[in-house]
Amino acid sequence: MKNTAKDSRCFELRTYTVREGAGNIDVLHSRFRDHTNALFKKHGMTIVGFWQPVAKPDQLIYILAYKDAAARDAAWAAFQADPEWMKVRAAMAVNVQVDNVFMVATDYGPIK
């Protein structure tokens, strides 16, 4: 693709929206803070950052980076199969709508 960095990693922008009456955004924050982040790192995912939209307090937005798309698929497969994740997900259940966007860096941006 034109204007993309040849050495770009695969980036994934994920937006979680808590469904009305289906949990609490604070439980979701605790799940990431206390459990999920460590599991992401365990499975080779690079955490770029997390954001809480000011105008949408029921959302959590974050970006992960991977070597490439194949590494992304392998990391998520391992994460989803991890017994610790299954335990945490069941114990701290929050019904969310997940939207994700896959991205590559531009050739002129500071992050590749």
N, C-alpha and C. Protein backbone atom coordinates (compact mmCIF):
# COMPACT_ATOMS: atom_id res chain seq x y z
N MET A 1 0.84 -1.18 0.00
CA MET A 1 0.00 0.00 0.00
C MET A 1 0.88 1.24 0.00
N LYS A 2 0.49 2.20 -0.76
CA LYS A 2 1.21 3.46 -0.84
C LYS A 2 1.11 4.21 0.49
N ASN A 3 2.17 4.87 0.88
CA ASN A 3 2.26 5.70 2.09
C ASN A 3 2.34 4.90 3.39
N THR A 4 2.53 3.61 3.31
CA THR A 4 2.69 2.82 4.53
C THR A 4 4.16 2.46 4.72
N ALA A 5 4.54 2.34 5.96
CA ALA A 5 5.93 2.01 6.29
C ALA A 5 6.20 0.55 5.95
N LYS A 6 7.30 0.29 5.26
CA LYS A 6 7.66 -1.08 4.88
C LYS A 6 7.91 -1.96 6.10
N ASP A 7 8.39 -1.34 7.18
CA ASP A 7 8.74 -2.09 8.38
C ASP A 7 7.67 -1.97 9.48
N SER A 8 6.45 -1.63 9.10
CA SER A 8 5.39 -1.45 10.08
C SER A 8 4.99 -2.77 10.72
N ARG A 9 4.74 -2.68 12.02
CA ARG A 9 4.10 -3.80 12.71
C ARG A 9 2.62 -3.79 12.37
N CYS A 10 1.92 -4.82 12.79
CA CYS A 10 0.47 -4.88 12.69
C CYS A 10 -0.09 -4.27 13.97
N PHE A 11 -0.95 -3.27 13.82
CA PHE A 11 -1.59 -2.63 14.97
C PHE A 11 -3.07 -3.00 14.96
N GLU A 12 -3.61 -3.14 16.16
CA GLU A 12 -5.03 -3.44 16.31
C GLU A 12 -5.64 -2.45 17.29
N LEU A 13 -6.59 -1.69 16.81
CA LEU A 13 -7.36 -0.76 17.63
C LEU A 13 -8.62 -1.48 18.06
N ARG A 14 -8.83 -1.61 19.36
CA ARG A 14 -9.99 -2.33 19.89
C ARG A 14 -10.82 -1.39 20.75
N THR A 15 -12.12 -1.38 20.51
CA THR A 15 -13.05 -0.56 21.27
C THR A 15 -14.06 -1.49 21.94
N TYR A 16 -14.13 -1.41 23.26
CA TYR A 16 -15.10 -2.20 24.03
C TYR A 16 -16.18 -1.24 24.53
N THR A 17 -17.42 -1.57 24.22
CA THR A 17 -18.55 -0.80 24.71
C THR A 17 -19.37 -1.71 25.61
N VAL A 18 -19.50 -1.32 26.87
CA VAL A 18 -20.29 -2.11 27.82
C VAL A 18 -21.76 -1.97 27.44
N ARG A 19 -22.41 -3.08 27.26
CA ARG A 19 -23.82 -3.07 26.90
C ARG A 19 -24.66 -2.68 28.11
N GLU A 20 -25.70 -1.92 27.86
CA GLU A 20 -26.56 -1.41 28.94
C GLU A 20 -27.11 -2.56 29.78
N GLY A 21 -26.96 -2.42 31.09
CA GLY A 21 -27.44 -3.43 32.02
C GLY A 21 -26.64 -4.72 32.00
N ALA A 22 -25.43 -4.67 31.41
CA ALA A 22 -24.66 -5.90 31.21
C ALA A 22 -23.31 -5.88 31.90
N GLY A 23 -23.18 -5.12 32.94
CA GLY A 23 -21.91 -5.08 33.63
C GLY A 23 -21.49 -3.67 33.95
N ASN A 24 -20.26 -3.54 34.31
CA ASN A 24 -19.76 -2.27 34.81
C ASN A 24 -18.40 -1.99 34.20
N ILE A 25 -18.21 -0.77 33.71
CA ILE A 25 -16.93 -0.38 33.11
C ILE A 25 -15.79 -0.52 34.12
N ASP A 26 -16.08 -0.32 35.41
CA ASP A 26 -15.03 -0.43 36.43
C ASP A 26 -14.54 -1.87 36.56
N VAL A 27 -15.44 -2.84 36.39
CA VAL A 27 -15.03 -4.25 36.39
C VAL A 27 -14.12 -4.52 35.20
N LEU A 28 -14.46 -3.95 34.05
CA LEU A 28 -13.64 -4.12 32.86
C LEU A 28 -12.25 -3.52 33.07
N HIS A 29 -12.18 -2.31 33.64
CA HIS A 29 -10.88 -1.70 33.94
C HIS A 29 -10.08 -2.58 34.90
N SER A 30 -10.72 -3.09 35.94
CA SER A 30 -10.02 -3.96 36.89
C SER A 30 -9.51 -5.22 36.23
N ARG A 31 -10.31 -5.78 35.34
CA ARG A 31 -9.91 -7.01 34.66
C ARG A 31 -8.65 -6.77 33.85
N PHE A 32 -8.60 -5.65 33.11
CA PHE A 32 -7.39 -5.35 32.34
C PHE A 32 -6.22 -5.04 33.26
N ARG A 33 -6.43 -4.18 34.24
CA ARG A 33 -5.36 -3.74 35.13
C ARG A 33 -4.75 -4.92 35.90
N ASP A 34 -5.60 -5.78 36.43
CA ASP A 34 -5.14 -6.81 37.35
C ASP A 34 -4.83 -8.15 36.69
N HIS A 35 -5.32 -8.39 35.47
CA HIS A 35 -5.16 -9.71 34.88
C HIS A 35 -4.79 -9.70 33.40
N THR A 36 -5.61 -9.04 32.58
CA THR A 36 -5.48 -9.17 31.13
C THR A 36 -4.15 -8.64 30.61
N ASN A 37 -3.68 -7.52 31.13
CA ASN A 37 -2.42 -6.97 30.64
C ASN A 37 -1.27 -7.96 30.78
N ALA A 38 -1.20 -8.63 31.91
CA ALA A 38 -0.14 -9.63 32.12
C ALA A 38 -0.28 -10.77 31.12
N LEU A 39 -1.51 -11.17 30.84
CA LEU A 39 -1.73 -12.24 29.86
C LEU A 39 -1.39 -11.78 28.45
N PHE A 40 -1.70 -10.54 28.11
CA PHE A 40 -1.28 -10.02 26.81
C PHE A 40 0.23 -10.13 26.66
N LYS A 41 0.96 -9.68 27.66
CA LYS A 41 2.42 -9.72 27.61
C LYS A 41 2.92 -11.16 27.53
N LYS A 42 2.30 -12.05 28.30
CA LYS A 42 2.67 -13.47 28.29
C LYS A 42 2.58 -14.05 26.89
N HIS A 43 1.60 -13.59 26.12
CA HIS A 43 1.37 -14.15 24.79
C HIS A 43 1.96 -13.29 23.67
N GLY A 44 2.90 -12.40 24.02
CA GLY A 44 3.66 -11.67 23.01
C GLY A 44 2.99 -10.47 22.39
N MET A 45 1.93 -9.98 23.01
CA MET A 45 1.25 -8.79 22.50
C MET A 45 1.91 -7.55 23.12
N THR A 46 2.13 -6.55 22.30
CA THR A 46 2.70 -5.29 22.78
C THR A 46 1.57 -4.31 23.02
N ILE A 47 1.46 -3.83 24.25
CA ILE A 47 0.41 -2.86 24.60
C ILE A 47 0.92 -1.46 24.26
N VAL A 48 0.21 -0.78 23.36
CA VAL A 48 0.57 0.60 23.00
C VAL A 48 -0.06 1.57 23.98
N GLY A 49 -1.32 1.35 24.34
CA GLY A 49 -1.97 2.22 25.31
C GLY A 49 -3.44 1.93 25.45
N PHE A 50 -4.02 2.49 26.52
CA PHE A 50 -5.44 2.38 26.82
C PHE A 50 -6.00 3.78 26.99
N TRP A 51 -7.25 3.97 26.57
CA TRP A 51 -7.90 5.26 26.68
C TRP A 51 -9.33 5.10 27.14
N GLN A 52 -9.79 6.07 27.91
CA GLN A 52 -11.19 6.15 28.34
C GLN A 52 -11.78 7.38 27.67
N PRO A 53 -12.69 7.20 26.71
CA PRO A 53 -13.28 8.37 26.04
C PRO A 53 -14.02 9.26 27.03
N VAL A 54 -13.81 10.55 26.95
CA VAL A 54 -14.46 11.50 27.85
C VAL A 54 -15.96 11.52 27.61
N ALA A 55 -16.37 11.50 26.35
CA ALA A 55 -17.79 11.61 26.03
C ALA A 55 -18.54 10.28 26.08
N LYS A 56 -17.81 9.17 26.22
CA LYS A 56 -18.46 7.85 26.24
C LYS A 56 -17.88 7.03 27.39
N PRO A 57 -18.34 7.28 28.62
CA PRO A 57 -17.77 6.62 29.79
C PRO A 57 -18.02 5.11 29.85
N ASP A 58 -18.82 4.58 28.94
CA ASP A 58 -19.06 3.14 28.90
C ASP A 58 -18.12 2.43 27.93
N GLN A 59 -17.10 3.14 27.43
CA GLN A 59 -16.17 2.55 26.47
C GLN A 59 -14.74 2.50 27.01
N LEU A 60 -14.01 1.53 26.51
CA LEU A 60 -12.57 1.40 26.74
C LEU A 60 -11.95 1.17 25.37
N ILE A 61 -10.94 1.95 25.05
CA ILE A 61 -10.26 1.84 23.76
C ILE A 61 -8.79 1.53 24.02
N TYR A 62 -8.26 0.58 23.27
CA TYR A 62 -6.83 0.30 23.41
C TYR A 62 -6.24 -0.14 22.09
N ILE A 63 -4.91 -0.06 22.02
CA ILE A 63 -4.17 -0.48 20.82
C ILE A 63 -3.11 -1.49 21.23
N LEU A 64 -3.05 -2.57 20.46
CA LEU A 64 -2.02 -3.59 20.61
C LEU A 64 -1.19 -3.61 19.33
N ALA A 65 0.07 -4.05 19.45
CA ALA A 65 0.94 -4.18 18.28
C ALA A 65 1.53 -5.58 18.25
N TYR A 66 1.76 -6.06 17.02
CA TYR A 66 2.31 -7.40 16.79
C TYR A 66 3.34 -7.30 15.67
N LYS A 67 4.20 -8.30 15.59
CA LYS A 67 5.21 -8.33 14.52
C LYS A 67 4.54 -8.25 13.15
N ASP A 68 3.47 -9.03 12.98
CA ASP A 68 2.73 -9.06 11.72
C ASP A 68 1.37 -9.69 11.98
N ALA A 69 0.57 -9.83 10.93
CA ALA A 69 -0.79 -10.36 11.09
C ALA A 69 -0.78 -11.81 11.57
N ALA A 70 0.18 -12.60 11.11
CA ALA A 70 0.25 -14.00 11.56
C ALA A 70 0.56 -14.08 13.05
N ALA A 71 1.45 -13.20 13.53
CA ALA A 71 1.76 -13.15 14.96
C ALA A 71 0.54 -12.73 15.76
N ARG A 72 -0.26 -11.84 15.22
CA ARG A 72 -1.49 -11.42 15.88
C ARG A 72 -2.44 -12.61 16.05
N ASP A 73 -2.64 -13.33 14.97
CA ASP A 73 -3.56 -14.48 15.01
C ASP A 73 -3.08 -15.53 16.01
N ALA A 74 -1.78 -15.81 16.02
CA ALA A 74 -1.22 -16.81 16.94
C ALA A 74 -1.34 -16.34 18.39
N ALA A 75 -1.06 -15.07 18.64
CA ALA A 75 -1.14 -14.53 20.00
C ALA A 75 -2.56 -14.60 20.54
N TRP A 76 -3.55 -14.23 19.72
CA TRP A 76 -4.93 -14.26 20.17
C TRP A 76 -5.41 -15.69 20.39
N ALA A 77 -4.98 -16.62 19.54
CA ALA A 77 -5.38 -18.02 19.72
C ALA A 77 -4.84 -18.55 21.04
N ALA A 78 -3.58 -18.24 21.34
CA ALA A 78 -2.97 -18.69 22.60
C ALA A 78 -3.65 -18.02 23.80
N PHE A 79 -3.93 -16.73 23.68
CA PHE A 79 -4.60 -15.99 24.75
C PHE A 79 -5.97 -16.59 25.04
N GLN A 80 -6.77 -16.80 24.00
CA GLN A 80 -8.13 -17.32 24.17
C GLN A 80 -8.13 -18.72 24.80
N ALA A 81 -7.09 -19.50 24.54
CA ALA A 81 -7.00 -20.87 25.07
C ALA A 81 -6.36 -20.94 26.45
N ASP A 82 -5.84 -19.83 26.94
CA ASP A 82 -5.13 -19.81 28.22
C ASP A 82 -6.11 -20.08 29.37
N PRO A 83 -5.86 -21.11 30.18
CA PRO A 83 -6.78 -21.42 31.29
C PRO A 83 -6.95 -20.26 32.28
N GLU A 84 -5.89 -19.50 32.48
CA GLU A 84 -5.99 -18.35 33.39
C GLU A 84 -6.97 -17.32 32.84
N TRP A 85 -6.92 -17.06 31.52
CA TRP A 85 -7.85 -16.12 30.90
C TRP A 85 -9.29 -16.62 31.04
N MET A 86 -9.51 -17.89 30.79
CA MET A 86 -10.86 -18.44 30.89
C MET A 86 -11.42 -18.26 32.31
N LYS A 87 -10.57 -18.46 33.30
CA LYS A 87 -10.98 -18.29 34.70
C LYS A 87 -11.32 -16.83 35.00
N VAL A 88 -10.45 -15.91 34.58
CA VAL A 88 -10.66 -14.48 34.82
C VAL A 88 -11.91 -13.99 34.09
N ARG A 89 -12.08 -14.39 32.84
CA ARG A 89 -13.24 -13.96 32.06
C ARG A 89 -14.54 -14.39 32.72
N ALA A 90 -14.56 -15.61 33.24
CA ALA A 90 -15.77 -16.10 33.92
C ALA A 90 -16.01 -15.37 35.23
N ALA A 91 -14.96 -15.11 35.97
CA ALA A 91 -15.09 -14.47 37.29
C ALA A 91 -15.42 -12.99 37.19
N MET A 92 -14.95 -12.33 36.14
CA MET A 92 -15.14 -10.89 35.99
C MET A 92 -15.89 -10.59 34.69
N ALA A 93 -16.99 -11.26 34.48
CA ALA A 93 -17.74 -11.15 33.24
C ALA A 93 -18.35 -9.76 33.06
N VAL A 94 -18.16 -9.22 31.87
CA VAL A 94 -18.78 -7.97 31.46
C VAL A 94 -19.21 -8.19 30.01
N ASN A 95 -20.46 -7.93 29.71
CA ASN A 95 -20.97 -8.10 28.36
C ASN A 95 -20.63 -6.86 27.55
N VAL A 96 -19.73 -7.01 26.59
CA VAL A 96 -19.28 -5.88 25.79
C VAL A 96 -19.45 -6.16 24.31
N GLN A 97 -19.61 -5.09 23.58
CA GLN A 97 -19.52 -5.16 22.12
C GLN A 97 -18.07 -4.81 21.80
N VAL A 98 -17.41 -5.65 21.01
CA VAL A 98 -16.02 -5.41 20.66
C VAL A 98 -15.93 -5.06 19.18
N ASP A 99 -15.32 -3.93 18.90
CA ASP A 99 -15.04 -3.52 17.53
C ASP A 99 -13.53 -3.43 17.39
N ASN A 100 -13.00 -3.97 16.30
CA ASN A 100 -11.56 -3.85 16.10
C ASN A 100 -11.25 -3.42 14.68
N VAL A 101 -10.12 -2.71 14.57
CA VAL A 101 -9.63 -2.20 13.30
C VAL A 101 -8.16 -2.57 13.22
N PHE A 102 -7.75 -3.16 12.09
CA PHE A 102 -6.35 -3.50 11.88
C PHE A 102 -5.70 -2.37 11.08
N MET A 103 -4.47 -2.01 11.48
CA MET A 103 -3.80 -0.86 10.88
C MET A 103 -2.33 -1.16 10.66
N VAL A 104 -1.75 -0.45 9.70
CA VAL A 104 -0.30 -0.40 9.54
C VAL A 104 0.10 1.06 9.65
N ALA A 105 1.34 1.28 10.03
CA ALA A 105 1.83 2.64 10.21
C ALA A 105 2.09 3.31 8.87
N THR A 106 1.94 4.63 8.86
CA THR A 106 2.31 5.39 7.67
C THR A 106 3.82 5.53 7.62
N ASP A 107 4.34 5.87 6.45
CA ASP A 107 5.79 6.02 6.30
C ASP A 107 6.32 7.30 6.95
N TYR A 108 5.44 8.19 7.37
CA TYR A 108 5.86 9.46 7.96
C TYR A 108 5.54 9.60 9.45
N GLY A 109 4.89 8.60 10.04
CA GLY A 109 4.55 8.67 11.46
C GLY A 109 5.69 8.20 12.33
N PRO A 110 5.67 8.57 13.62
CA PRO A 110 6.76 8.22 14.52
C PRO A 110 6.72 6.77 15.04
N ILE A 111 5.59 6.11 14.96
CA ILE A 111 5.48 4.73 15.47
C ILE A 111 5.40 3.78 14.30
N LYS A 112 6.23 2.74 14.34
CA LYS A 112 6.22 1.75 13.25
C LYS A 112 5.90 0.41 13.80
